[in-house]
Every structure is written in structure tokens, then in C-alpha cells.
ModelCIF file with pLDDT and N, C-alpha, C, O atoms, coordinates in Angstrom:
data_MODEL
#
_entry.id   MODEL 
#
_entity.id                         1 
_entity.type                       polymer 
_entity.pdbx_number_of_molecules   1 
#
_entity_poly.entity_id                      1 
_entity_poly.type                           'polypeptide(L)' 
_entity_poly.nstd_linkage                   no 
_entity_poly.nstd_monomer                   no 
_entity_poly.pdbx_seq_one_letter_code       RGFVNAKIPPGKLREFCPLDEAGERRLNGLQRLGLSARSHDRVLKV 
_entity_poly.pdbx_seq_one_letter_code_can   RGFVNAKIPPGKLREFCPLDEAGERRLNGLQRLGLSARSHDRVLKV 
_entity_poly.pdbx_strand_id                 A 
#
loop_
_entity_poly_seq.entity_id 
_entity_poly_seq.num 
_entity_poly_seq.mon_id 
_entity_poly_seq.hetero 
1 1  ARG n 
1 2  GLY n 
1 3  PHE n 
1 4  VAL n 
1 5  ASN n 
1 6  ALA n 
1 7  LYS n 
1 8  ILE n 
1 9  PRO n 
1 10 PRO n 
1 11 GLY n 
1 12 LYS n 
1 13 LEU n 
1 14 ARG n 
1 15 GLU n 
1 16 PHE n 
1 17 CYS n 
1 18 PRO n 
1 19 LEU n 
1 20 ASP n 
1 21 GLU n 
1 22 ALA n 
1 23 GLY n 
1 24 GLU n 
1 25 ARG n 
1 26 ARG n 
1 27 LEU n 
1 28 ASN n 
1 29 GLY n 
1 30 LEU n 
1 31 GLN n 
1 32 ARG n 
1 33 LEU n 
1 34 GLY n 
1 35 LEU n 
1 36 SER n 
1 37 ALA n 
1 38 ARG n 
1 39 SER n 
1 40 HIS n 
1 41 ASP n 
1 42 ARG n 
1 43 VAL n 
1 44 LEU n 
1 45 LYS n 
1 46 VAL n 
#
_struct_asym.id          A 
_struct_asym.entity_id   1 
#
loop_
_ma_qa_metric.id 
_ma_qa_metric.mode 
_ma_qa_metric.name 
_ma_qa_metric.software_group_id 
_ma_qa_metric.type 
1 global pLDDT . pLDDT 
2 local  pLDDT . pLDDT 
#
_ma_qa_metric_global.metric_id      1 
_ma_qa_metric_global.metric_value   84.93 
_ma_qa_metric_global.model_id       1 
_ma_qa_metric_global.ordinal_id     1 
#
loop_
_ma_qa_metric_local.label_asym_id 
_ma_qa_metric_local.label_comp_id 
_ma_qa_metric_local.label_seq_id 
_ma_qa_metric_local.metric_id 
_ma_qa_metric_local.metric_value 
_ma_qa_metric_local.model_id 
_ma_qa_metric_local.ordinal_id 
A ARG 1  2 88.00 1 1  
A GLY 2  2 91.00 1 2  
A PHE 3  2 87.00 1 3  
A VAL 4  2 92.00 1 4  
A ASN 5  2 92.00 1 5  
A ALA 6  2 92.00 1 6  
A LYS 7  2 92.00 1 7  
A ILE 8  2 92.00 1 8  
A PRO 9  2 91.00 1 9  
A PRO 10 2 87.00 1 10 
A GLY 11 2 88.00 1 11 
A LYS 12 2 89.00 1 12 
A LEU 13 2 87.00 1 13 
A ARG 14 2 85.00 1 14 
A GLU 15 2 87.00 1 15 
A PHE 16 2 86.00 1 16 
A CYS 17 2 84.00 1 17 
A PRO 18 2 84.00 1 18 
A LEU 19 2 82.00 1 19 
A ASP 20 2 82.00 1 20 
A GLU 21 2 85.00 1 21 
A ALA 22 2 83.00 1 22 
A GLY 23 2 80.00 1 23 
A GLU 24 2 81.00 1 24 
A ARG 25 2 84.00 1 25 
A ARG 26 2 81.00 1 26 
A LEU 27 2 79.00 1 27 
A ASN 28 2 79.00 1 28 
A GLY 29 2 80.00 1 29 
A LEU 30 2 76.00 1 30 
A GLN 31 2 74.00 1 31 
A ARG 32 2 79.00 1 32 
A LEU 33 2 78.00 1 33 
A GLY 34 2 81.00 1 34 
A LEU 35 2 77.00 1 35 
A SER 36 2 82.00 1 36 
A ALA 37 2 81.00 1 37 
A ARG 38 2 86.00 1 38 
A SER 39 2 84.00 1 39 
A HIS 40 2 83.00 1 40 
A ASP 41 2 88.00 1 41 
A ARG 42 2 90.00 1 42 
A VAL 43 2 87.00 1 43 
A LEU 44 2 88.00 1 44 
A LYS 45 2 92.00 1 45 
A VAL 46 2 91.00 1 46 
#
loop_
_atom_site.group_PDB 
_atom_site.id 
_atom_site.type_symbol 
_atom_site.label_atom_id 
_atom_site.label_alt_id 
_atom_site.label_comp_id 
_atom_site.label_asym_id 
_atom_site.label_entity_id 
_atom_site.label_seq_id 
_atom_site.pdbx_PDB_ins_code 
_atom_site.Cartn_x 
_atom_site.Cartn_y 
_atom_site.Cartn_z 
_atom_site.occupancy 
_atom_site.B_iso_or_equiv 
_atom_site.pdbx_formal_charge 
_atom_site.auth_seq_id 
_atom_site.auth_comp_id 
_atom_site.auth_asym_id 
_atom_site.auth_atom_id 
_atom_site.pdbx_PDB_model_num 
ATOM 1   N N  . ARG A 1 1  ? 2.209  11.555  -16.144 1.00 88.00 ? 1  ARG A N  1 
ATOM 2   C CA . ARG A 1 1  ? 2.287  10.165  -16.609 1.00 88.00 ? 1  ARG A CA 1 
ATOM 3   C C  . ARG A 1 1  ? 1.088  9.814   -17.485 1.00 88.00 ? 1  ARG A C  1 
ATOM 4   O O  . ARG A 1 1  ? 1.116  8.817   -18.207 1.00 88.00 ? 1  ARG A O  1 
ATOM 5   N N  . GLY A 1 2  ? 0.049  10.620  -17.425 1.00 91.00 ? 2  GLY A N  1 
ATOM 6   C CA . GLY A 1 2  ? -1.125 10.386  -18.260 1.00 91.00 ? 2  GLY A CA 1 
ATOM 7   C C  . GLY A 1 2  ? -2.304 9.776   -17.537 1.00 91.00 ? 2  GLY A C  1 
ATOM 8   O O  . GLY A 1 2  ? -3.395 9.686   -18.102 1.00 91.00 ? 2  GLY A O  1 
ATOM 9   N N  . PHE A 1 3  ? -2.110 9.354   -16.297 1.00 87.00 ? 3  PHE A N  1 
ATOM 10  C CA . PHE A 1 3  ? -3.180 8.726   -15.524 1.00 87.00 ? 3  PHE A CA 1 
ATOM 11  C C  . PHE A 1 3  ? -3.037 9.111   -14.060 1.00 87.00 ? 3  PHE A C  1 
ATOM 12  O O  . PHE A 1 3  ? -1.924 9.190   -13.542 1.00 87.00 ? 3  PHE A O  1 
ATOM 13  N N  . VAL A 1 4  ? -4.161 9.351   -13.392 1.00 92.00 ? 4  VAL A N  1 
ATOM 14  C CA . VAL A 1 4  ? -4.080 9.376   -11.931 1.00 92.00 ? 4  VAL A CA 1 
ATOM 15  C C  . VAL A 1 4  ? -3.907 7.919   -11.520 1.00 92.00 ? 4  VAL A C  1 
ATOM 16  O O  . VAL A 1 4  ? -4.358 7.020   -12.230 1.00 92.00 ? 4  VAL A O  1 
ATOM 17  N N  . ASN A 1 5  ? -3.278 7.680   -10.416 1.00 92.00 ? 5  ASN A N  1 
ATOM 18  C CA . ASN A 1 5  ? -2.921 6.320   -10.036 1.00 92.00 ? 5  ASN A CA 1 
ATOM 19  C C  . ASN A 1 5  ? -4.117 5.378   -9.960  1.00 92.00 ? 5  ASN A C  1 
ATOM 20  O O  . ASN A 1 5  ? -4.008 4.209   -10.328 1.00 92.00 ? 5  ASN A O  1 
ATOM 21  N N  . ALA A 1 6  ? -5.236 5.869   -9.493  1.00 92.00 ? 6  ALA A N  1 
ATOM 22  C CA . ALA A 1 6  ? -6.417 5.019   -9.377  1.00 92.00 ? 6  ALA A CA 1 
ATOM 23  C C  . ALA A 1 6  ? -6.924 4.543   -10.735 1.00 92.00 ? 6  ALA A C  1 
ATOM 24  O O  . ALA A 1 6  ? -7.643 3.546   -10.808 1.00 92.00 ? 6  ALA A O  1 
ATOM 25  N N  . LYS A 1 7  ? -6.565 5.233   -11.799 1.00 92.00 ? 7  LYS A N  1 
ATOM 26  C CA . LYS A 1 7  ? -7.062 4.909   -13.140 1.00 92.00 ? 7  LYS A CA 1 
ATOM 27  C C  . LYS A 1 7  ? -6.002 4.276   -14.045 1.00 92.00 ? 7  LYS A C  1 
ATOM 28  O O  . LYS A 1 7  ? -6.215 4.176   -15.253 1.00 92.00 ? 7  LYS A O  1 
ATOM 29  N N  . ILE A 1 8  ? -4.877 3.852   -13.492 1.00 92.00 ? 8  ILE A N  1 
ATOM 30  C CA . ILE A 1 8  ? -3.863 3.205   -14.318 1.00 92.00 ? 8  ILE A CA 1 
ATOM 31  C C  . ILE A 1 8  ? -4.477 1.925   -14.883 1.00 92.00 ? 8  ILE A C  1 
ATOM 32  O O  . ILE A 1 8  ? -4.933 1.070   -14.125 1.00 92.00 ? 8  ILE A O  1 
ATOM 33  N N  . PRO A 1 9  ? -4.490 1.789   -16.212 1.00 91.00 ? 9  PRO A N  1 
ATOM 34  C CA . PRO A 1 9  ? -5.057 0.570   -16.806 1.00 91.00 ? 9  PRO A CA 1 
ATOM 35  C C  . PRO A 1 9  ? -4.224 -0.659  -16.444 1.00 91.00 ? 9  PRO A C  1 
ATOM 36  O O  . PRO A 1 9  ? -3.009 -0.553  -16.282 1.00 91.00 ? 9  PRO A O  1 
ATOM 37  N N  . PRO A 1 10 ? -4.860 -1.816  -16.318 1.00 87.00 ? 10 PRO A N  1 
ATOM 38  C CA . PRO A 1 10 ? -4.123 -3.027  -15.947 1.00 87.00 ? 10 PRO A CA 1 
ATOM 39  C C  . PRO A 1 10 ? -2.917 -3.301  -16.850 1.00 87.00 ? 10 PRO A C  1 
ATOM 40  O O  . PRO A 1 10 ? -1.890 -3.779  -16.367 1.00 87.00 ? 10 PRO A O  1 
ATOM 41  N N  . GLY A 1 11 ? -3.018 -3.014  -18.124 1.00 88.00 ? 11 GLY A N  1 
ATOM 42  C CA . GLY A 1 11 ? -1.922 -3.258  -19.037 1.00 88.00 ? 11 GLY A CA 1 
ATOM 43  C C  . GLY A 1 11 ? -0.726 -2.340  -18.831 1.00 88.00 ? 11 GLY A C  1 
ATOM 44  O O  . GLY A 1 11 ? 0.372  -2.644  -19.299 1.00 88.00 ? 11 GLY A O  1 
ATOM 45  N N  . LYS A 1 12 ? -0.918 -1.230  -18.143 1.00 89.00 ? 12 LYS A N  1 
ATOM 46  C CA . LYS A 1 12 ? 0.160  -0.266  -17.883 1.00 89.00 ? 12 LYS A CA 1 
ATOM 47  C C  . LYS A 1 12 ? 0.681  -0.356  -16.448 1.00 89.00 ? 12 LYS A C  1 
ATOM 48  O O  . LYS A 1 12 ? 1.644  0.323   -16.091 1.00 89.00 ? 12 LYS A O  1 
ATOM 49  N N  . LEU A 1 13 ? 0.054  -1.180  -15.640 1.00 87.00 ? 13 LEU A N  1 
ATOM 50  C CA . LEU A 1 13 ? 0.385  -1.216  -14.213 1.00 87.00 ? 13 LEU A CA 1 
ATOM 51  C C  . LEU A 1 13 ? 1.851  -1.556  -13.959 1.00 87.00 ? 13 LEU A C  1 
ATOM 52  O O  . LEU A 1 13 ? 2.499  -0.900  -13.143 1.00 87.00 ? 13 LEU A O  1 
ATOM 53  N N  . ARG A 1 14 ? 2.381  -2.559  -14.637 1.00 85.00 ? 14 ARG A N  1 
ATOM 54  C CA . ARG A 1 14 ? 3.783  -2.939  -14.433 1.00 85.00 ? 14 ARG A CA 1 
ATOM 55  C C  . ARG A 1 14 ? 4.748  -1.859  -14.922 1.00 85.00 ? 14 ARG A C  1 
ATOM 56  O O  . ARG A 1 14 ? 5.860  -1.739  -14.408 1.00 85.00 ? 14 ARG A O  1 
ATOM 57  N N  . GLU A 1 15 ? 4.329  -1.085  -15.899 1.00 87.00 ? 15 GLU A N  1 
ATOM 58  C CA . GLU A 1 15 ? 5.172  0.010   -16.395 1.00 87.00 ? 15 GLU A CA 1 
ATOM 59  C C  . GLU A 1 15 ? 5.312  1.111   -15.344 1.00 87.00 ? 15 GLU A C  1 
ATOM 60  O O  . GLU A 1 15 ? 6.407  1.626   -15.118 1.00 87.00 ? 15 GLU A O  1 
ATOM 61  N N  . PHE A 1 16 ? 4.201  1.467   -14.708 1.00 86.00 ? 16 PHE A N  1 
ATOM 62  C CA . PHE A 1 16 ? 4.207  2.557   -13.742 1.00 86.00 ? 16 PHE A CA 1 
ATOM 63  C C  . PHE A 1 16 ? 4.501  2.095   -12.321 1.00 86.00 ? 16 PHE A C  1 
ATOM 64  O O  . PHE A 1 16 ? 4.877  2.905   -11.473 1.00 86.00 ? 16 PHE A O  1 
ATOM 65  N N  . CYS A 1 17 ? 4.336  0.811   -12.054 1.00 84.00 ? 17 CYS A N  1 
ATOM 66  C CA . CYS A 1 17 ? 4.516  0.273   -10.706 1.00 84.00 ? 17 CYS A CA 1 
ATOM 67  C C  . CYS A 1 17 ? 5.390  -0.983  -10.737 1.00 84.00 ? 17 CYS A C  1 
ATOM 68  O O  . CYS A 1 17 ? 4.939  -2.057  -10.339 1.00 84.00 ? 17 CYS A O  1 
ATOM 69  N N  . PRO A 1 18 ? 6.629  -0.860  -11.205 1.00 84.00 ? 18 PRO A N  1 
ATOM 70  C CA . PRO A 1 18 ? 7.483  -2.052  -11.275 1.00 84.00 ? 18 PRO A CA 1 
ATOM 71  C C  . PRO A 1 18 ? 7.895  -2.522  -9.878  1.00 84.00 ? 18 PRO A C  1 
ATOM 72  O O  . PRO A 1 18 ? 8.031  -1.724  -8.950  1.00 84.00 ? 18 PRO A O  1 
ATOM 73  N N  . LEU A 1 19 ? 8.087  -3.821  -9.756  1.00 82.00 ? 19 LEU A N  1 
ATOM 74  C CA . LEU A 1 19 ? 8.534  -4.401  -8.491  1.00 82.00 ? 19 LEU A CA 1 
ATOM 75  C C  . LEU A 1 19 ? 9.905  -5.043  -8.677  1.00 82.00 ? 19 LEU A C  1 
ATOM 76  O O  . LEU A 1 19 ? 10.202 -5.605  -9.731  1.00 82.00 ? 19 LEU A O  1 
ATOM 77  N N  . ASP A 1 20 ? 10.734 -4.952  -7.643  1.00 82.00 ? 20 ASP A N  1 
ATOM 78  C CA . ASP A 1 20 ? 11.973 -5.712  -7.656  1.00 82.00 ? 20 ASP A CA 1 
ATOM 79  C C  . ASP A 1 20 ? 11.663 -7.116  -7.130  1.00 82.00 ? 20 ASP A C  1 
ATOM 80  O O  . ASP A 1 20 ? 10.516 -7.410  -6.792  1.00 82.00 ? 20 ASP A O  1 
ATOM 81  N N  . GLU A 1 21 ? 12.663 -7.972  -7.058  1.00 85.00 ? 21 GLU A N  1 
ATOM 82  C CA . GLU A 1 21 ? 12.433 -9.354  -6.626  1.00 85.00 ? 21 GLU A CA 1 
ATOM 83  C C  . GLU A 1 21 ? 11.859 -9.423  -5.214  1.00 85.00 ? 21 GLU A C  1 
ATOM 84  O O  . GLU A 1 21 ? 10.960 -10.220 -4.946  1.00 85.00 ? 21 GLU A O  1 
ATOM 85  N N  . ALA A 1 22 ? 12.369 -8.601  -4.322  1.00 83.00 ? 22 ALA A N  1 
ATOM 86  C CA . ALA A 1 22 ? 11.881 -8.613  -2.936  1.00 83.00 ? 22 ALA A CA 1 
ATOM 87  C C  . ALA A 1 22 ? 10.419 -8.174  -2.874  1.00 83.00 ? 22 ALA A C  1 
ATOM 88  O O  . ALA A 1 22 ? 9.629  -8.732  -2.113  1.00 83.00 ? 22 ALA A O  1 
ATOM 89  N N  . GLY A 1 23 ? 10.068 -7.185  -3.668  1.00 80.00 ? 23 GLY A N  1 
ATOM 90  C CA . GLY A 1 23 ? 8.677  -6.732  -3.719  1.00 80.00 ? 23 GLY A CA 1 
ATOM 91  C C  . GLY A 1 23 ? 7.754  -7.804  -4.258  1.00 80.00 ? 23 GLY A C  1 
ATOM 92  O O  . GLY A 1 23 ? 6.647  -7.984  -3.751  1.00 80.00 ? 23 GLY A O  1 
ATOM 93  N N  . GLU A 1 24 ? 8.201  -8.525  -5.290  1.00 81.00 ? 24 GLU A N  1 
ATOM 94  C CA . GLU A 1 24 ? 7.414  -9.635  -5.843  1.00 81.00 ? 24 GLU A CA 1 
ATOM 95  C C  . GLU A 1 24 ? 7.196  -10.718 -4.789  1.00 81.00 ? 24 GLU A C  1 
ATOM 96  O O  . GLU A 1 24 ? 6.090  -11.241 -4.647  1.00 81.00 ? 24 GLU A O  1 
ATOM 97  N N  . ARG A 1 25 ? 8.246  -11.047 -4.059  1.00 84.00 ? 25 ARG A N  1 
ATOM 98  C CA . ARG A 1 25 ? 8.118  -12.077 -3.021  1.00 84.00 ? 25 ARG A CA 1 
ATOM 99  C C  . ARG A 1 25 ? 7.128  -11.646 -1.944  1.00 84.00 ? 25 ARG A C  1 
ATOM 100 O O  . ARG A 1 25 ? 6.308  -12.444 -1.490  1.00 84.00 ? 25 ARG A O  1 
ATOM 101 N N  . ARG A 1 26 ? 7.210  -10.403 -1.546  1.00 81.00 ? 26 ARG A N  1 
ATOM 102 C CA . ARG A 1 26 ? 6.310  -9.916  -0.500  1.00 81.00 ? 26 ARG A CA 1 
ATOM 103 C C  . ARG A 1 26 ? 4.860  -9.951  -0.973  1.00 81.00 ? 26 ARG A C  1 
ATOM 104 O O  . ARG A 1 26 ? 3.971  -10.389 -0.242  1.00 81.00 ? 26 ARG A O  1 
ATOM 105 N N  . LEU A 1 27 ? 4.627  -9.490  -2.192  1.00 79.00 ? 27 LEU A N  1 
ATOM 106 C CA . LEU A 1 27 ? 3.273  -9.490  -2.718  1.00 79.00 ? 27 LEU A CA 1 
ATOM 107 C C  . LEU A 1 27 ? 2.762  -10.915 -2.935  1.00 79.00 ? 27 LEU A C  1 
ATOM 108 O O  . LEU A 1 27 ? 1.584  -11.192 -2.709  1.00 79.00 ? 27 LEU A O  1 
ATOM 109 N N  . ASN A 1 28 ? 3.636  -11.814 -3.370  1.00 79.00 ? 28 ASN A N  1 
ATOM 110 C CA . ASN A 1 28 ? 3.238  -13.217 -3.518  1.00 79.00 ? 28 ASN A CA 1 
ATOM 111 C C  . ASN A 1 28 ? 2.876  -13.818 -2.170  1.00 79.00 ? 28 ASN A C  1 
ATOM 112 O O  . ASN A 1 28 ? 1.975  -14.652 -2.084  1.00 79.00 ? 28 ASN A O  1 
ATOM 113 N N  . GLY A 1 29 ? 3.562  -13.407 -1.128  1.00 80.00 ? 29 GLY A N  1 
ATOM 114 C CA . GLY A 1 29 ? 3.225  -13.857 0.220   1.00 80.00 ? 29 GLY A CA 1 
ATOM 115 C C  . GLY A 1 29 ? 1.828  -13.432 0.618   1.00 80.00 ? 29 GLY A C  1 
ATOM 116 O O  . GLY A 1 29 ? 1.105  -14.193 1.261   1.00 80.00 ? 29 GLY A O  1 
ATOM 117 N N  . LEU A 1 30 ? 1.444  -12.229 0.246   1.00 76.00 ? 30 LEU A N  1 
ATOM 118 C CA . LEU A 1 30 ? 0.092  -11.757 0.537   1.00 76.00 ? 30 LEU A CA 1 
ATOM 119 C C  . LEU A 1 30 ? -0.944 -12.552 -0.248  1.00 76.00 ? 30 LEU A C  1 
ATOM 120 O O  . LEU A 1 30 ? -2.041 -12.803 0.251   1.00 76.00 ? 30 LEU A O  1 
ATOM 121 N N  . GLN A 1 31 ? -0.607 -12.948 -1.467  1.00 74.00 ? 31 GLN A N  1 
ATOM 122 C CA . GLN A 1 31 ? -1.542 -13.726 -2.275  1.00 74.00 ? 31 GLN A CA 1 
ATOM 123 C C  . GLN A 1 31 ? -1.823 -15.083 -1.643  1.00 74.00 ? 31 GLN A C  1 
ATOM 124 O O  . GLN A 1 31 ? -2.930 -15.608 -1.768  1.00 74.00 ? 31 GLN A O  1 
ATOM 125 N N  . ARG A 1 32 ? -0.839 -15.649 -0.973  1.00 79.00 ? 32 ARG A N  1 
ATOM 126 C CA . ARG A 1 32 ? -1.066 -16.922 -0.276  1.00 79.00 ? 32 ARG A CA 1 
ATOM 127 C C  . ARG A 1 32 ? -2.090 -16.746 0.832   1.00 79.00 ? 32 ARG A C  1 
ATOM 128 O O  . ARG A 1 32 ? -2.716 -17.714 1.262   1.00 79.00 ? 32 ARG A O  1 
ATOM 129 N N  . LEU A 1 33 ? -2.262 -15.516 1.296   1.00 78.00 ? 33 LEU A N  1 
ATOM 130 C CA . LEU A 1 33 ? -3.253 -15.234 2.331   1.00 78.00 ? 33 LEU A CA 1 
ATOM 131 C C  . LEU A 1 33 ? -4.617 -14.892 1.733   1.00 78.00 ? 33 LEU A C  1 
ATOM 132 O O  . LEU A 1 33 ? -5.542 -14.514 2.453   1.00 78.00 ? 33 LEU A O  1 
ATOM 133 N N  . GLY A 1 34 ? -4.736 -15.028 0.404   1.00 81.00 ? 34 GLY A N  1 
ATOM 134 C CA . GLY A 1 34 ? -6.032 -14.806 -0.226  1.00 81.00 ? 34 GLY A CA 1 
ATOM 135 C C  . GLY A 1 34 ? -6.179 -13.473 -0.936  1.00 81.00 ? 34 GLY A C  1 
ATOM 136 O O  . GLY A 1 34 ? -7.301 -13.042 -1.201  1.00 81.00 ? 34 GLY A O  1 
ATOM 137 N N  . LEU A 1 35 ? -5.076 -12.811 -1.249  1.00 77.00 ? 35 LEU A N  1 
ATOM 138 C CA . LEU A 1 35 ? -5.126 -11.537 -1.962  1.00 77.00 ? 35 LEU A CA 1 
ATOM 139 C C  . LEU A 1 35 ? -5.583 -11.784 -3.401  1.00 77.00 ? 35 LEU A C  1 
ATOM 140 O O  . LEU A 1 35 ? -4.964 -12.562 -4.128  1.00 77.00 ? 35 LEU A O  1 
ATOM 141 N N  . SER A 1 36 ? -6.646 -11.132 -3.800  1.00 82.00 ? 36 SER A N  1 
ATOM 142 C CA . SER A 1 36 ? -7.148 -11.294 -5.165  1.00 82.00 ? 36 SER A CA 1 
ATOM 143 C C  . SER A 1 36 ? -6.290 -10.489 -6.139  1.00 82.00 ? 36 SER A C  1 
ATOM 144 O O  . SER A 1 36 ? -5.490 -9.653  -5.720  1.00 82.00 ? 36 SER A O  1 
ATOM 145 N N  . ALA A 1 37 ? -6.456 -10.741 -7.427  1.00 81.00 ? 37 ALA A N  1 
ATOM 146 C CA . ALA A 1 37 ? -5.725 -9.987  -8.449  1.00 81.00 ? 37 ALA A CA 1 
ATOM 147 C C  . ALA A 1 37 ? -6.076 -8.504  -8.360  1.00 81.00 ? 37 ALA A C  1 
ATOM 148 O O  . ALA A 1 37 ? -5.208 -7.647  -8.524  1.00 81.00 ? 37 ALA A O  1 
ATOM 149 N N  . ARG A 1 38 ? -7.319 -8.210  -8.107  1.00 86.00 ? 38 ARG A N  1 
ATOM 150 C CA . ARG A 1 38 ? -7.751 -6.813  -7.971  1.00 86.00 ? 38 ARG A CA 1 
ATOM 151 C C  . ARG A 1 38 ? -7.082 -6.147  -6.773  1.00 86.00 ? 38 ARG A C  1 
ATOM 152 O O  . ARG A 1 38 ? -6.648 -4.998  -6.855  1.00 86.00 ? 38 ARG A O  1 
ATOM 153 N N  . SER A 1 39 ? -7.001 -6.869  -5.671  1.00 84.00 ? 39 SER A N  1 
ATOM 154 C CA . SER A 1 39 ? -6.335 -6.341  -4.480  1.00 84.00 ? 39 SER A CA 1 
ATOM 155 C C  . SER A 1 39 ? -4.844 -6.142  -4.736  1.00 84.00 ? 39 SER A C  1 
ATOM 156 O O  . SER A 1 39 ? -4.259 -5.158  -4.285  1.00 84.00 ? 39 SER A O  1 
ATOM 157 N N  . HIS A 1 40 ? -4.239 -7.067  -5.453  1.00 83.00 ? 40 HIS A N  1 
ATOM 158 C CA . HIS A 1 40 ? -2.833 -6.963  -5.832  1.00 83.00 ? 40 HIS A CA 1 
ATOM 159 C C  . HIS A 1 40 ? -2.602 -5.654  -6.585  1.00 83.00 ? 40 HIS A C  1 
ATOM 160 O O  . HIS A 1 40 ? -1.673 -4.910  -6.268  1.00 83.00 ? 40 HIS A O  1 
ATOM 161 N N  . ASP A 1 41 ? -3.444 -5.372  -7.580  1.00 88.00 ? 41 ASP A N  1 
ATOM 162 C CA . ASP A 1 41 ? -3.320 -4.140  -8.357  1.00 88.00 ? 41 ASP A CA 1 
ATOM 163 C C  . ASP A 1 41 ? -3.515 -2.910  -7.486  1.00 88.00 ? 41 ASP A C  1 
ATOM 164 O O  . ASP A 1 41 ? -2.820 -1.907  -7.648  1.00 88.00 ? 41 ASP A O  1 
ATOM 165 N N  . ARG A 1 42 ? -4.455 -2.990  -6.571  1.00 90.00 ? 42 ARG A N  1 
ATOM 166 C CA . ARG A 1 42 ? -4.727 -1.858  -5.692  1.00 90.00 ? 42 ARG A CA 1 
ATOM 167 C C  . ARG A 1 42 ? -3.529 -1.567  -4.782  1.00 90.00 ? 42 ARG A C  1 
ATOM 168 O O  . ARG A 1 42 ? -3.204 -0.405  -4.537  1.00 90.00 ? 42 ARG A O  1 
ATOM 169 N N  . VAL A 1 43 ? -2.877 -2.615  -4.284  1.00 87.00 ? 43 VAL A N  1 
ATOM 170 C CA . VAL A 1 43 ? -1.682 -2.441  -3.445  1.00 87.00 ? 43 VAL A CA 1 
ATOM 171 C C  . VAL A 1 43 ? -0.608 -1.685  -4.233  1.00 87.00 ? 43 VAL A C  1 
ATOM 172 O O  . VAL A 1 43 ? 0.024  -0.769  -3.708  1.00 87.00 ? 43 VAL A O  1 
ATOM 173 N N  . LEU A 1 44 ? -0.408 -2.076  -5.499  1.00 88.00 ? 44 LEU A N  1 
ATOM 174 C CA . LEU A 1 44 ? 0.585  -1.397  -6.335  1.00 88.00 ? 44 LEU A CA 1 
ATOM 175 C C  . LEU A 1 44 ? 0.229  0.070   -6.547  1.00 88.00 ? 44 LEU A C  1 
ATOM 176 O O  . LEU A 1 44 ? 1.106  0.934   -6.514  1.00 88.00 ? 44 LEU A O  1 
ATOM 177 N N  . LYS A 1 45 ? -1.034 0.351   -6.763  1.00 92.00 ? 45 LYS A N  1 
ATOM 178 C CA . LYS A 1 45 ? -1.462 1.742   -6.989  1.00 92.00 ? 45 LYS A CA 1 
ATOM 179 C C  . LYS A 1 45 ? -1.280 2.588   -5.729  1.00 92.00 ? 45 LYS A C  1 
ATOM 180 O O  . LYS A 1 45 ? -0.877 3.748   -5.811  1.00 92.00 ? 45 LYS A O  1 
ATOM 181 N N  . VAL A 1 46 ? -1.574 2.014   -4.581  1.00 91.00 ? 46 VAL A N  1 
ATOM 182 C CA . VAL A 1 46 ? -1.383 2.745   -3.322  1.00 91.00 ? 46 VAL A CA 1 
ATOM 183 C C  . VAL A 1 46 ? 0.105  2.999   -3.089  1.00 91.00 ? 46 VAL A C  1 
ATOM 184 O O  . VAL A 1 46 ? 0.478  3.601   -2.083  1.00 91.00 ? 46 VAL A O  1 
#
């Protein structure tokens, strides 16, 4: 893919880690608990 997962640039994150509607809802739920944007990206990479 051109990147190890830990090094996926923010601009490519949605390309390599797409979410369906249910995934978006779940991640948005975590953000209500104080998940930062950086943590959000890290969850997708993991």
C-alpha cells in the first residue's frame, strides 16, 4: 500500500481505513467520551 499503518498520512487515512455508517457511529460515540482527533486516527490504524 506504500505505508506501514503507523505512518499512514492523515490525508490518506480515509482511503486506507474507510468506515461504514455503523463504524462512524461507534467512533463518534467514543468522541463524546473525549476521544481526540489523534486518538480517532490511531483507532483506525489499529
